Protein backbone atom coordinates (compact mmCIF):
# COMPACT_ATOMS: atom_id res chain seq x y z
CA UNK A 1 0.00 0.00 0.00
CA UNK A 2 1.16 3.53 -0.79
CA UNK A 3 1.54 6.32 1.77
CA UNK A 4 -1.84 7.88 0.96
CA UNK A 5 -3.62 4.51 1.19
CA UNK A 6 -1.97 3.78 4.52
CA UNK A 7 -2.87 7.22 5.85
CA UNK A 8 -6.52 6.69 4.81
CA UNK A 9 -6.58 3.27 6.48
CA UNK A 10 -5.10 4.69 9.69
CA UNK A 11 -7.71 7.45 9.67
CA UNK A 12 -10.55 4.97 9.16
CA UNK A 13 -9.42 2.99 12.20
CA UNK A 14 -8.27 5.75 14.55
CA UNK A 15 -10.50 8.62 13.37
CA UNK A 16 -9.97 11.68 15.57
CA UNK A 17 -7.52 9.86 17.83
CA UNK A 18 -4.85 9.51 15.15
CA UNK A 19 -3.25 12.85 15.98
CA UNK A 20 -2.51 11.61 19.51
CA UNK A 21 -0.01 9.04 18.21
CA UNK A 22 3.58 10.35 18.05
CA UNK A 23 4.55 7.61 15.57
CA UNK A 24 2.83 4.92 13.53
CA UNK A 25 4.77 2.15 11.82
CA UNK A 26 3.49 -0.47 9.42
CA UNK A 27 4.96 -3.93 9.80
CA UNK A 28 6.72 -5.27 6.69
CA UNK A 29 7.43 -8.96 7.18
CA UNK A 30 10.09 -9.01 4.43
CA UNK A 31 11.91 -5.81 5.46
CA UNK A 32 15.07 -7.15 7.16
CA UNK A 33 16.06 -3.67 8.39
CA UNK A 34 12.89 -3.44 10.52
CA UNK A 35 13.30 -6.89 12.10
CA UNK A 36 15.21 -8.19 15.12
CA UNK A 37 15.82 -11.74 16.35
CA UNK A 38 13.91 -12.46 19.54
CA UNK A 39 14.15 -16.05 20.68
CA UNK A 40 13.02 -18.47 17.96
CA UNK A 41 11.69 -15.81 15.58
CA UNK A 42 12.52 -12.53 13.89
CA UNK A 43 9.94 -9.88 14.81
CA UNK A 44 9.45 -6.13 14.40
CA UNK A 45 12.18 -4.20 16.19
CA UNK A 46 9.70 -2.46 18.47
CA UNK A 47 9.04 -5.79 20.17
CA UNK A 48 12.75 -6.22 20.91
CA UNK A 49 13.10 -2.82 22.59
CA UNK A 50 12.35 -1.81 26.21
CA UNK A 51 9.00 -0.15 26.86
CA UNK A 52 5.32 -0.93 27.17
CA UNK A 53 3.61 -2.89 24.41
CA UNK A 54 -0.14 -3.36 24.15
CA UNK A 55 -1.51 -5.99 21.79
CA UNK A 56 -5.20 -5.72 20.87
CA UNK A 57 -7.18 -8.62 19.43
CA UNK A 58 -10.52 -10.37 19.12
CA UNK A 59 -10.96 -13.72 20.86
CA UNK A 60 -12.64 -16.09 18.41
CA UNK A 61 -12.10 -19.54 16.93
CA UNK A 62 -9.13 -20.01 14.65
CA UNK A 63 -9.27 -23.02 12.38
CA UNK A 64 -5.67 -24.12 13.01
CA UNK A 65 -4.28 -21.90 15.81
CA UNK A 66 -7.12 -22.86 18.15
CA UNK A 67 -8.19 -19.40 19.28
CA UNK A 68 -7.01 -16.09 17.87
CA UNK A 69 -6.49 -12.94 19.90
CA UNK A 70 -3.94 -10.38 21.07
CA UNK A 71 -1.34 -13.10 21.67
CA UNK A 72 -1.31 -13.58 17.89
CA UNK A 73 -1.28 -9.84 17.21
CA UNK A 74 2.03 -9.37 19.01
CA UNK A 75 3.62 -12.54 17.65
CA UNK A 76 2.49 -13.74 14.24
CA UNK A 77 1.22 -10.25 13.45
CA UNK A 78 4.74 -8.85 13.80
CA UNK A 79 6.91 -11.78 12.62
CA UNK A 80 9.15 -12.08 9.60
CA UNK A 81 7.76 -13.99 6.64
CA UNK A 82 10.10 -16.91 7.33
CA UNK A 83 8.92 -17.12 10.94
CA UNK A 84 5.27 -16.98 9.88
CA UNK A 85 5.83 -19.78 7.39
CA UNK A 86 7.61 -21.91 9.98
CA UNK A 87 4.72 -21.48 12.38
CA UNK A 88 1.98 -22.02 9.79
CA UNK A 89 3.63 -25.17 8.42
CA UNK A 90 2.55 -26.89 11.64
CA UNK A 91 -1.06 -26.38 10.51
CA UNK A 92 -0.60 -29.41 8.26
CA UNK A 93 -0.62 -31.59 11.39
CA UNK A 94 -3.97 -33.01 12.59
CA UNK A 95 -3.38 -31.65 16.10
CA UNK A 96 -3.82 -28.10 14.75
CA UNK A 97 -7.55 -27.75 15.36
CA UNK A 98 -10.09 -25.00 16.07
CA UNK A 99 -10.70 -24.12 19.75
CA UNK A 100 -7.84 -26.41 20.87
CA UNK A 101 -4.80 -24.83 22.56
CA UNK A 102 -3.12 -27.62 24.54
CA UNK A 103 -1.13 -29.88 22.24
CA UNK A 104 -1.81 -27.66 19.23
CA UNK A 105 1.60 -27.22 17.51
CA UNK A 106 0.64 -23.87 15.96
CA UNK A 107 -0.49 -22.40 19.28
CA UNK A 108 2.55 -23.83 21.04
CA UNK A 109 4.83 -22.15 18.49
CA UNK A 110 3.02 -18.86 19.06
CA UNK A 111 3.35 -19.31 22.82
CA UNK A 112 7.13 -19.79 22.54
CA UNK A 113 7.36 -16.59 20.47
CA UNK A 114 5.24 -14.64 22.99
CA UNK A 115 7.38 -15.84 25.89
CA UNK A 116 10.55 -14.79 24.05
CA UNK A 117 9.09 -11.34 23.36
CA UNK A 118 8.19 -10.97 27.05
CA UNK A 119 11.78 -11.86 27.99
CA UNK A 120 13.14 -9.23 25.57
CA UNK A 121 12.91 -6.53 28.23
CA UNK A 122 9.66 -4.70 27.62
CA UNK A 123 6.32 -5.01 29.39
CA UNK A 124 3.64 -6.66 27.28
CA UNK A 125 -0.09 -6.26 27.85
CA UNK A 126 -2.82 -8.05 25.89
CA UNK A 127 -6.32 -6.61 25.52
CA UNK A 128 -8.92 -8.95 24.03
CA UNK A 129 -12.51 -8.38 22.99
CA UNK A 130 -15.18 -11.06 22.56
CA UNK A 131 -17.68 -9.87 19.96
CA UNK A 132 -20.88 -11.68 19.01
CA UNK A 133 -23.04 -10.34 16.17
CA UNK A 134 -21.37 -6.97 16.43
CA UNK A 135 -21.86 -6.61 20.20
CA UNK A 136 -19.07 -6.60 22.77
CA UNK A 137 -19.95 -9.33 25.29
CA UNK A 138 -16.70 -9.71 27.24
CA UNK A 139 -13.07 -8.62 27.47
CA UNK A 140 -9.88 -9.98 28.98
CA UNK A 141 -6.59 -8.25 29.76
CA UNK A 142 -3.21 -9.17 31.18
CA UNK A 143 -0.16 -11.11 30.07
CA UNK A 144 -0.86 -12.42 26.55
CA UNK A 145 -1.03 -16.16 27.19
CA UNK A 146 -2.94 -15.75 30.45
CA UNK A 147 -5.45 -13.46 28.75
CA UNK A 148 -6.29 -15.97 26.02
CA UNK A 149 -6.55 -18.82 28.53
CA UNK A 150 -8.91 -16.71 30.62
CA UNK A 151 -11.23 -16.11 27.69
CA UNK A 152 -10.97 -19.55 26.10
CA UNK A 153 -13.85 -21.21 28.06
CA UNK A 154 -16.24 -18.43 27.02
CA UNK A 155 -15.13 -18.61 23.38
CA UNK A 156 -15.73 -22.35 23.37
CA UNK A 157 -19.23 -21.88 24.84
CA UNK A 158 -20.17 -19.11 22.41
CA UNK A 159 -18.73 -20.50 19.18
CA UNK A 160 -18.37 -24.25 19.73
CA UNK A 161 -20.93 -27.05 19.48
CA UNK A 162 -20.55 -30.75 20.25
CA UNK A 163 -22.58 -33.58 18.76
CA UNK A 164 -23.21 -36.99 20.29
CA UNK A 165 -22.35 -38.68 16.98
CA UNK A 166 -21.05 -37.63 13.55
CA UNK A 167 -23.53 -36.73 10.83
CA UNK A 168 -23.93 -38.16 7.34
CA UNK A 169 -24.48 -34.74 5.77
CA UNK A 170 -23.35 -31.32 6.93
CA UNK A 171 -24.24 -28.09 5.12
CA UNK A 172 -21.85 -25.26 5.99
CA UNK A 173 -22.88 -21.73 5.05
CA UNK A 174 -20.14 -19.10 5.00
CA UNK A 175 -21.05 -15.45 5.47
CA UNK A 176 -19.19 -12.34 4.24
CA UNK A 177 -16.37 -11.46 4.25
CA UNK A 178 -15.07 -15.03 4.45
CA UNK A 179 -17.13 -16.04 1.42
CA UNK A 180 -14.95 -13.87 -0.83
CA UNK A 181 -13.13 -16.84 -2.38
CA UNK A 182 -12.78 -20.57 -1.84
CA UNK A 183 -9.41 -20.18 -0.10
CA UNK A 184 -11.07 -18.07 2.60
CA UNK A 185 -14.37 -19.97 2.65
CA UNK A 186 -12.41 -23.16 3.34
CA UNK A 187 -12.48 -22.04 6.99
CA UNK A 188 -16.09 -23.26 6.96
CA UNK A 189 -14.83 -26.72 6.02
CA UNK A 190 -12.05 -26.77 8.61
CA UNK A 191 -14.40 -25.63 11.38
CA UNK A 192 -16.97 -28.36 10.76
CA UNK A 193 -15.25 -31.33 9.09
CA UNK A 194 -14.76 -33.17 12.40
CA UNK A 195 -18.55 -33.49 12.72
CA UNK A 196 -18.91 -35.46 9.44
CA UNK A 197 -18.49 -39.21 9.41
CA UNK A 198 -15.81 -40.79 7.23
CA UNK A 199 -17.36 -41.28 3.80
CA UNK A 200 -20.04 -38.66 4.50
CA UNK A 201 -20.91 -35.44 2.68
CA UNK A 202 -19.91 -31.85 3.47
CA UNK A 203 -21.67 -29.23 1.36
CA UNK A 204 -20.21 -25.71 1.50
CA UNK A 205 -22.26 -22.67 0.48
CA UNK A 206 -20.17 -19.58 -0.35
CA UNK A 207 -20.42 -16.83 -2.94
CA UNK A 208 -16.72 -16.95 -3.96
CA UNK A 209 -17.07 -13.81 -6.06
CA UNK A 210 -13.26 -13.65 -6.35
CA UNK A 211 -12.94 -17.26 -7.47
CA UNK A 212 -10.61 -19.81 -5.90
CA UNK A 213 -8.10 -17.47 -4.28
CA UNK A 214 -4.30 -17.50 -4.18
CA UNK A 215 -2.71 -19.21 -7.17
CA UNK A 216 -0.33 -21.62 -5.46
CA UNK A 217 -3.19 -23.08 -3.38
CA UNK A 218 -4.75 -24.24 -6.65
CA UNK A 219 -1.36 -25.24 -8.04
CA UNK A 220 -0.69 -27.66 -5.17
CA UNK A 221 -4.13 -29.23 -5.54
CA UNK A 222 -3.50 -29.65 -9.27
CA UNK A 223 -0.11 -31.28 -8.65
CA UNK A 224 -1.27 -33.60 -5.85
CA UNK A 225 -4.31 -35.81 -6.31
CA UNK A 226 -3.80 -37.60 -2.98
CA UNK A 227 -2.89 -36.68 0.58
CA UNK A 228 0.46 -38.48 0.34
CA UNK A 229 1.31 -36.67 -2.91
CA UNK A 230 0.48 -33.31 -1.31
CA UNK A 231 2.75 -33.98 1.66
CA UNK A 232 5.54 -35.18 -0.63
CA UNK A 233 5.28 -32.12 -2.87
CA UNK A 234 5.50 -29.73 0.09
CA UNK A 235 8.47 -31.67 1.50
CA UNK A 236 10.19 -31.51 -1.90
CA UNK A 237 9.91 -27.77 -2.56
CA UNK A 238 9.38 -26.43 0.95
CA UNK A 239 6.27 -25.04 2.63
CA UNK A 240 4.56 -21.94 1.22
CA UNK A 241 1.86 -19.96 3.02
CA UNK A 242 -1.47 -21.59 2.22
CA UNK A 243 -0.13 -25.10 1.62
CA UNK A 244 -1.70 -26.29 4.86
CA UNK A 245 -5.19 -25.69 3.45
CA UNK A 246 -4.53 -27.79 0.36
CA UNK A 247 -2.89 -30.60 2.36
CA UNK A 248 -5.73 -30.75 4.86
CA UNK A 249 -8.35 -30.69 2.08
CA UNK A 250 -6.65 -33.69 0.49
CA UNK A 251 -6.64 -35.45 3.88
CA UNK A 252 -10.40 -34.89 4.14
CA UNK A 253 -11.29 -36.09 0.64
CA UNK A 254 -8.62 -38.79 0.26
CA UNK A 255 -7.87 -40.28 3.67
CA UNK A 256 -11.34 -39.77 5.17
CA UNK A 257 -13.18 -40.15 1.83
CA UNK A 258 -15.55 -37.29 2.66
CA UNK A 259 -17.42 -36.03 -0.41
CA UNK A 260 -17.10 -32.24 -0.55
CA UNK A 261 -19.48 -30.11 -2.58
CA UNK A 262 -19.42 -26.35 -3.15
CA UNK A 263 -22.48 -24.29 -4.05
CA UNK A 264 -21.33 -21.08 -5.74
CA UNK A 265 -21.69 -18.99 -8.88
CA UNK A 266 -18.14 -17.67 -8.60
CA UNK A 267 -16.20 -20.78 -9.67
CA UNK A 268 -16.37 -22.72 -12.91
CA UNK A 269 -17.68 -26.24 -12.15
CA UNK A 270 -14.88 -27.56 -14.37
CA UNK A 271 -12.40 -26.56 -11.64
CA UNK A 272 -14.03 -29.09 -9.33
CA UNK A 273 -11.84 -31.86 -10.73
CA UNK A 274 -8.67 -29.95 -9.82
CA UNK A 275 -9.99 -29.03 -6.39
CA UNK A 276 -11.08 -32.60 -5.75
CA UNK A 277 -14.64 -31.52 -4.99
CA UNK A 278 -17.94 -31.11 -6.83
CA UNK A 279 -18.91 -27.54 -7.74
CA UNK A 280 -22.57 -26.60 -8.28
CA UNK A 281 -24.15 -23.34 -9.37
CA UNK A 282 -27.64 -24.69 -8.66
CA UNK A 283 -28.53 -25.53 -5.02
CA UNK A 284 -31.16 -28.04 -6.15
CA UNK A 285 -28.57 -29.93 -8.15
CA UNK A 286 -26.28 -29.97 -5.10
CA UNK A 287 -29.11 -31.28 -2.92
CA UNK A 288 -29.83 -34.08 -5.38
CA UNK A 289 -26.12 -35.01 -5.41
CA UNK A 290 -26.06 -35.14 -1.60
CA UNK A 291 -29.24 -37.28 -1.44
CA UNK A 292 -27.77 -39.76 -3.90
CA UNK A 293 -24.73 -40.19 -1.66
CA UNK A 294 -26.46 -40.26 1.73
CA UNK A 295 -29.94 -41.57 1.02
CA UNK A 296 -33.29 -39.93 1.65
CA UNK A 297 -33.09 -39.85 5.45
CA UNK A 298 -29.54 -38.95 6.43
CA UNK A 299 -28.48 -37.66 9.82
CA UNK A 300 -27.93 -34.07 8.74
CA UNK A 301 -26.90 -30.71 10.17
CA UNK A 302 -27.05 -27.13 8.86
CA UNK A 303 -24.37 -24.74 10.17
CA UNK A 304 -24.91 -21.03 9.69
CA UNK A 305 -21.82 -18.77 9.74
CA UNK A 306 -19.54 -21.79 9.49
CA UNK A 307 -16.52 -19.53 9.14
CA UNK A 308 -16.90 -18.64 12.82
CA UNK A 309 -18.73 -21.68 14.22
CA UNK A 310 -16.97 -24.87 15.28
CA UNK A 311 -18.76 -28.23 15.38
CA UNK A 312 -17.16 -31.39 16.73
CA UNK A 313 -18.17 -34.78 18.08
CA UNK A 314 -18.05 -35.26 21.86
CA UNK A 315 -15.37 -37.60 23.12
């Protein structure tokens, strides 16, 4: 973004309070001159200097980091590109799940980075909001990791649902802005796939007005028709941001044999073969496809706002 665009963005966020800030810096993850090594990661130099740092975030489900919030703002949000990629590569592991912190390799990597930043000499405060349908319902504050742990039970109650048994058919509707493209709408799959039985059907509804999304996400899916091929390709050329989504999609459709359908007018149905899913522009056609696979009386579930709602099976 250019200087004028950045200034306009700052003004839209800070409004009349902008003039109170003596300095505003934008983080550039590939600008080596603005980075400093702090523990296991390179981060913005401000985080390596003495002083008071306040990270602000929204506590909500994250499809591979467990729960997002201010602890991510001051770590991943200020890391170098290489450090971000190293952290996000762990999202290919099955332990990286929504609403799960303990044992989640992505969250544990973030926690190590936060602890290193706290040891760097400055004081670090996290301020988290919990927002539901545009309304502020709770807030937590304190040391970053303690603040997310404090709010985690509430986030799980507000955004998480547990079923007694997996369903045959799950319809996941993704609302704006996550319905912009398939790459973003895939969050609706990741948040709900655990609730679908192996061999079942997951039908995603998303506008996808911008198509599939980032190019190399589609490239990896085109190169790897199976889960094993996807893992091998990433190991061969190295991880790139976004690879975790393609690898996990192949795990769902290949290893678990879940039939994935997408209802959208933004993607050519011909791309379904490359994606490894069925693409429908007509909801009735998608419903007929699902009935053929599951029968007339499947155990079914409809999930609204699947980009922010997590559904799992108890136990």
